Amino acid sequence: MNNTSTTTTQKLLLAIDVFPLDAIWKIAAGFAVFPLTTLLFGKRDSIGYSLAALLIVLALIRLLPLFIRKLIPFPISVKQAWHERRDTARKHDSYQWKKLLWIGIGMLSYIAASELFWTGRLSIACACALVGGIGMLRWRLVAPKVRPLHSP
């Protein structure tokens, strides 16, 4: 692989975790929550079932990258950048909470597209978007004080 393609590949790998790509895949994950709920539990407006599906999606968001990092040999510079980002996420809760904004937007998008304005699902989606929005605002306040993260 030549130096240009390596640099381009590294930039793409690092961009996966940076706006707008991170928002896009988290919105897609949020969009999948309620179809997963229906697949696993049937068509019911149950807060419990919807929360269970949300927890499954959150676990997958956490575990899939872990397995991918173990299976695929990525460049050392990319691994180091990802490690620093994970370390920052562990230190700053607001960095973690902001992902709920995008997931909440995905769930709200699904609700709008499906026209299933069920109270339970709407409550969970709005709560995720609200709490996530608060987390995003908090991260905006904290981020300037944090050592700069690697960017693409």
C-alpha atoms as a PDB file:
ATOM      1  CA  MET A   1       0.000   0.000   0.000  1.00  0.00           C
ATOM      2  CA  ASN A   2       1.439   3.370  -0.876  1.00  0.00           C
ATOM      3  CA  ASN A   3       1.684   6.291   1.543  1.00  0.00           C
ATOM      4  CA  THR A   4      -1.252   8.212   0.035  1.00  0.00           C
ATOM      5  CA  SER A   5      -3.703   5.305   0.310  1.00  0.00           C
ATOM      6  CA  THR A   6      -2.544   4.575   3.861  1.00  0.00           C
ATOM      7  CA  THR A   7      -3.113   8.186   4.830  1.00  0.00           C
ATOM      8  CA  THR A   8      -6.527   8.204   3.157  1.00  0.00           C
ATOM      9  CA  THR A   9      -7.458   4.934   4.839  1.00  0.00           C
ATOM     10  CA  GLN A  10      -6.309   6.217   8.216  1.00  0.00           C
ATOM     11  CA  LYS A  11      -8.277   9.423   7.766  1.00  0.00           C
ATOM     12  CA  LEU A  12     -11.406   7.451   6.908  1.00  0.00           C
ATOM     13  CA  LEU A  13     -10.961   5.138   9.905  1.00  0.00           C
ATOM     14  CA  LEU A  14     -10.536   8.128  12.217  1.00  0.00           C
ATOM     15  CA  ALA A  15     -13.505   9.953  10.652  1.00  0.00           C
ATOM     16  CA  ILE A  16     -15.866   7.118  11.604  1.00  0.00           C
ATOM     17  CA  ASP A  17     -15.878   8.452  15.160  1.00  0.00           C
ATOM     18  CA  VAL A  18     -16.111  12.154  14.281  1.00  0.00           C
ATOM     19  CA  PHE A  19     -19.060  14.304  13.210  1.00  0.00           C
ATOM     20  CA  PRO A  20     -20.852  13.854  10.791  1.00  0.00           C
ATOM     21  CA  LEU A  21     -20.091  10.134  10.263  1.00  0.00           C
ATOM     22  CA  ASP A  22     -20.500   9.282  13.937  1.00  0.00           C
ATOM     23  CA  ALA A  23     -23.880  11.009  13.967  1.00  0.00           C
ATOM     24  CA  ILE A  24     -25.014   9.160  10.844  1.00  0.00           C
ATOM     25  CA  TRP A  25     -24.275   5.683  12.140  1.00  0.00           C
ATOM     26  CA  LYS A  26     -25.708   6.474  15.585  1.00  0.00           C
ATOM     27  CA  ILE A  27     -28.903   7.805  13.987  1.00  0.00           C
ATOM     28  CA  ALA A  28     -29.079   4.561  11.985  1.00  0.00           C
ATOM     29  CA  ALA A  29     -28.628   2.589  15.224  1.00  0.00           C
ATOM     30  CA  GLY A  30     -31.446   4.597  16.821  1.00  0.00           C
ATOM     31  CA  PHE A  31     -33.624   3.997  13.778  1.00  0.00           C
ATOM     32  CA  ALA A  32     -33.139   0.242  14.353  1.00  0.00           C
ATOM     33  CA  VAL A  33     -34.297   0.219  17.997  1.00  0.00           C
ATOM     34  CA  PHE A  34     -38.037  -0.051  17.414  1.00  0.00           C
ATOM     35  CA  PRO A  35     -37.855  -2.511  14.504  1.00  0.00           C
ATOM     36  CA  LEU A  36     -35.692  -4.630  16.815  1.00  0.00           C
ATOM     37  CA  THR A  37     -38.322  -4.252  19.532  1.00  0.00           C
ATOM     38  CA  THR A  38     -41.004  -5.473  17.112  1.00  0.00           C
ATOM     39  CA  LEU A  39     -38.803  -8.334  15.901  1.00  0.00           C
ATOM     40  CA  LEU A  40     -38.047  -9.555  19.418  1.00  0.00           C
ATOM     41  CA  PHE A  41     -41.283  -8.766  21.261  1.00  0.00           C
ATOM     42  CA  GLY A  42     -44.005  -8.130  18.685  1.00  0.00           C
ATOM     43  CA  LYS A  43     -46.024  -4.985  18.025  1.00  0.00           C
ATOM     44  CA  ARG A  44     -46.623  -3.683  21.520  1.00  0.00           C
ATOM     45  CA  ASP A  45     -46.223  -0.227  22.974  1.00  0.00           C
ATOM     46  CA  SER A  46     -44.259  -1.455  25.943  1.00  0.00           C
ATOM     47  CA  ILE A  47     -41.695   0.796  27.584  1.00  0.00           C
ATOM     48  CA  GLY A  48     -39.998  -2.275  29.046  1.00  0.00           C
ATOM     49  CA  TYR A  49     -39.612  -4.022  25.698  1.00  0.00           C
ATOM     50  CA  SER A  50     -38.473  -0.827  23.989  1.00  0.00           C
ATOM     51  CA  LEU A  51     -35.926  -0.179  26.746  1.00  0.00           C
ATOM     52  CA  ALA A  52     -34.668  -3.757  26.383  1.00  0.00           C
ATOM     53  CA  ALA A  53     -34.164  -3.227  22.633  1.00  0.00           C
ATOM     54  CA  LEU A  54     -32.449   0.110  23.313  1.00  0.00           C
ATOM     55  CA  LEU A  55     -30.070  -1.588  25.746  1.00  0.00           C
ATOM     56  CA  ILE A  56     -29.315  -4.269  23.146  1.00  0.00           C
ATOM     57  CA  VAL A  57     -28.505  -1.582  20.559  1.00  0.00           C
ATOM     58  CA  LEU A  58     -26.314   0.297  23.067  1.00  0.00           C
ATOM     59  CA  ALA A  59     -24.484  -2.940  23.884  1.00  0.00           C
ATOM     60  CA  LEU A  60     -23.945  -3.636  20.183  1.00  0.00           C
ATOM     61  CA  ILE A  61     -22.592  -0.116  19.679  1.00  0.00           C
ATOM     62  CA  ARG A  62     -20.095  -0.895  22.413  1.00  0.00           C
ATOM     63  CA  LEU A  63     -19.236  -4.503  21.520  1.00  0.00           C
ATOM     64  CA  LEU A  64     -19.116  -4.525  17.702  1.00  0.00           C
ATOM     65  CA  PRO A  65     -16.205  -2.064  17.476  1.00  0.00           C
ATOM     66  CA  LEU A  66     -14.393  -4.090  20.143  1.00  0.00           C
ATOM     67  CA  PHE A  67     -14.688  -7.281  18.090  1.00  0.00           C
ATOM     68  CA  ILE A  68     -13.762  -5.492  14.872  1.00  0.00           C
ATOM     69  CA  ARG A  69     -10.653  -3.994  16.508  1.00  0.00           C
ATOM     70  CA  LYS A  70      -9.640  -7.503  17.659  1.00  0.00           C
ATOM     71  CA  LEU A  71     -10.244  -9.159  14.281  1.00  0.00           C
ATOM     72  CA  ILE A  72      -8.797  -6.619  11.854  1.00  0.00           C
ATOM     73  CA  PRO A  73      -5.203  -5.361  12.009  1.00  0.00           C
ATOM     74  CA  PHE A  74      -5.464  -1.566  11.959  1.00  0.00           C
ATOM     75  CA  PRO A  75      -2.498   0.833  11.711  1.00  0.00           C
ATOM     76  CA  ILE A  76      -0.856   1.649  15.050  1.00  0.00           C
ATOM     77  CA  SER A  77      -1.598   5.378  14.675  1.00  0.00           C
ATOM     78  CA  VAL A  78      -5.316   4.653  14.259  1.00  0.00           C
ATOM     79  CA  LYS A  79      -5.350   2.274  17.224  1.00  0.00           C
ATOM     80  CA  GLN A  80      -3.627   4.918  19.353  1.00  0.00           C
ATOM     81  CA  ALA A  81      -6.119   7.614  18.346  1.00  0.00           C
ATOM     82  CA  TRP A  82      -9.044   5.302  19.109  1.00  0.00           C
ATOM     83  CA  HIS A  83      -7.490   4.414  22.470  1.00  0.00           C
ATOM     84  CA  GLU A  84      -7.179   8.110  23.361  1.00  0.00           C
ATOM     85  CA  ARG A  85     -10.803   8.719  22.371  1.00  0.00           C
ATOM     86  CA  ARG A  86     -12.014   5.795  24.484  1.00  0.00           C
ATOM     87  CA  ASP A  87      -9.920   7.075  27.382  1.00  0.00           C
ATOM     88  CA  THR A  88     -11.481  10.527  27.011  1.00  0.00           C
ATOM     89  CA  ALA A  89     -14.936   8.950  26.883  1.00  0.00           C
ATOM     90  CA  ARG A  90     -14.255   7.086  30.135  1.00  0.00           C
ATOM     91  CA  LYS A  91     -13.159  10.302  31.848  1.00  0.00           C
ATOM     92  CA  HIS A  92     -16.038  12.494  30.647  1.00  0.00           C
ATOM     93  CA  ASP A  93     -19.586  11.178  31.016  1.00  0.00           C
ATOM     94  CA  SER A  94     -20.955  13.904  28.758  1.00  0.00           C
ATOM     95  CA  TYR A  95     -18.926  12.454  25.880  1.00  0.00           C
ATOM     96  CA  GLN A  96     -20.849   9.204  26.378  1.00  0.00           C
ATOM     97  CA  TRP A  97     -24.256  10.804  26.930  1.00  0.00           C
ATOM     98  CA  LYS A  98     -24.114  12.813  23.719  1.00  0.00           C
ATOM     99  CA  LYS A  99     -24.454   9.598  21.691  1.00  0.00           C
ATOM    100  CA  LEU A 100     -28.001   9.383  23.027  1.00  0.00           C
ATOM    101  CA  LEU A 101     -28.846  12.576  21.141  1.00  0.00           C
ATOM    102  CA  TRP A 102     -28.162  10.873  17.803  1.00  0.00           C
ATOM    103  CA  ILE A 103     -29.805   7.622  18.869  1.00  0.00           C
ATOM    104  CA  GLY A 104     -32.853   9.589  20.053  1.00  0.00           C
ATOM    105  CA  ILE A 105     -32.999  11.415  16.722  1.00  0.00           C
ATOM    106  CA  GLY A 106     -32.870   8.021  14.966  1.00  0.00           C
ATOM    107  CA  MET A 107     -35.721   6.697  17.100  1.00  0.00           C
ATOM    108  CA  LEU A 108     -37.777   9.842  16.486  1.00  0.00           C
ATOM    109  CA  SER A 109     -37.075   9.493  12.754  1.00  0.00           C
ATOM    110  CA  TYR A 110     -38.378   5.936  12.827  1.00  0.00           C
ATOM    111  CA  ILE A 111     -41.489   7.024  14.704  1.00  0.00           C
ATOM    112  CA  ALA A 112     -42.136   9.752  12.139  1.00  0.00           C
ATOM    113  CA  ALA A 113     -41.482   7.443   9.174  1.00  0.00           C
ATOM    114  CA  SER A 114     -43.619   4.606  10.557  1.00  0.00           C
ATOM    115  CA  GLU A 115     -46.338   6.955  11.830  1.00  0.00           C
ATOM    116  CA  LEU A 116     -46.570   4.813  14.976  1.00  0.00           C
ATOM    117  CA  PHE A 117     -46.786   7.558  17.560  1.00  0.00           C
ATOM    118  CA  TRP A 118     -47.029   5.191  20.501  1.00  0.00           C
ATOM    119  CA  THR A 119     -46.685   6.843  23.878  1.00  0.00           C
ATOM    120  CA  GLY A 120     -44.044   4.469  25.264  1.00  0.00           C
ATOM    121  CA  ARG A 121     -41.795   4.641  22.225  1.00  0.00           C
ATOM    122  CA  LEU A 122     -42.241   8.383  21.910  1.00  0.00           C
ATOM    123  CA  SER A 123     -41.357   8.830  25.590  1.00  0.00           C
ATOM    124  CA  ILE A 124     -38.145   6.817  25.269  1.00  0.00           C
ATOM    125  CA  ALA A 125     -37.088   8.559  22.052  1.00  0.00           C
ATOM    126  CA  CYS A 126     -37.747  12.029  23.483  1.00  0.00           C
ATOM    127  CA  ALA A 127     -35.930  11.153  26.713  1.00  0.00           C
ATOM    128  CA  CYS A 128     -32.880   9.959  24.758  1.00  0.00           C
ATOM    129  CA  ALA A 129     -32.860  13.064  22.580  1.00  0.00           C
ATOM    130  CA  LEU A 130     -33.308  15.382  25.581  1.00  0.00           C
ATOM    131  CA  VAL A 131     -30.709  13.716  27.798  1.00  0.00           C
ATOM    132  CA  GLY A 132     -28.399  13.370  24.807  1.00  0.00           C
ATOM    133  CA  GLY A 133     -28.830  17.047  23.966  1.00  0.00           C
ATOM    134  CA  ILE A 134     -27.911  17.959  27.526  1.00  0.00           C
ATOM    135  CA  GLY A 135     -24.878  15.671  27.254  1.00  0.00           C
ATOM    136  CA  MET A 136     -23.897  17.321  23.967  1.00  0.00           C
ATOM    137  CA  LEU A 137     -24.128  20.782  25.529  1.00  0.00           C
ATOM    138  CA  ARG A 138     -22.103  19.609  28.511  1.00  0.00           C
ATOM    139  CA  TRP A 139     -19.466  18.117  26.203  1.00  0.00           C
ATOM    140  CA  ARG A 140     -19.245  21.420  24.326  1.00  0.00           C
ATOM    141  CA  LEU A 141     -18.398  23.098  27.630  1.00  0.00           C
ATOM    142  CA  VAL A 142     -15.867  20.450  28.681  1.00  0.00           C
ATOM    143  CA  ALA A 143     -14.253  19.679  25.313  1.00  0.00           C
ATOM    144  CA  PRO A 144     -12.177  22.879  25.041  1.00  0.00           C
ATOM    145  CA  LYS A 145     -10.499  21.970  28.344  1.00  0.00           C
ATOM    146  CA  VAL A 146      -9.715  18.415  27.228  1.00  0.00           C
ATOM    147  CA  ARG A 147      -6.500  17.521  25.434  1.00  0.00           C
ATOM    148  CA  PRO A 148      -7.320  17.648  21.703  1.00  0.00           C
ATOM    149  CA  LEU A 149      -8.512  14.356  20.243  1.00  0.00           C
ATOM    150  CA  HIS A 150      -7.090  13.027  17.025  1.00  0.00           C
ATOM    151  CA  SER A 151      -9.193  14.186  14.112  1.00  0.00           C
ATOM    152  CA  PRO A 152      -9.255  12.960  10.523  1.00  0.00           C
END
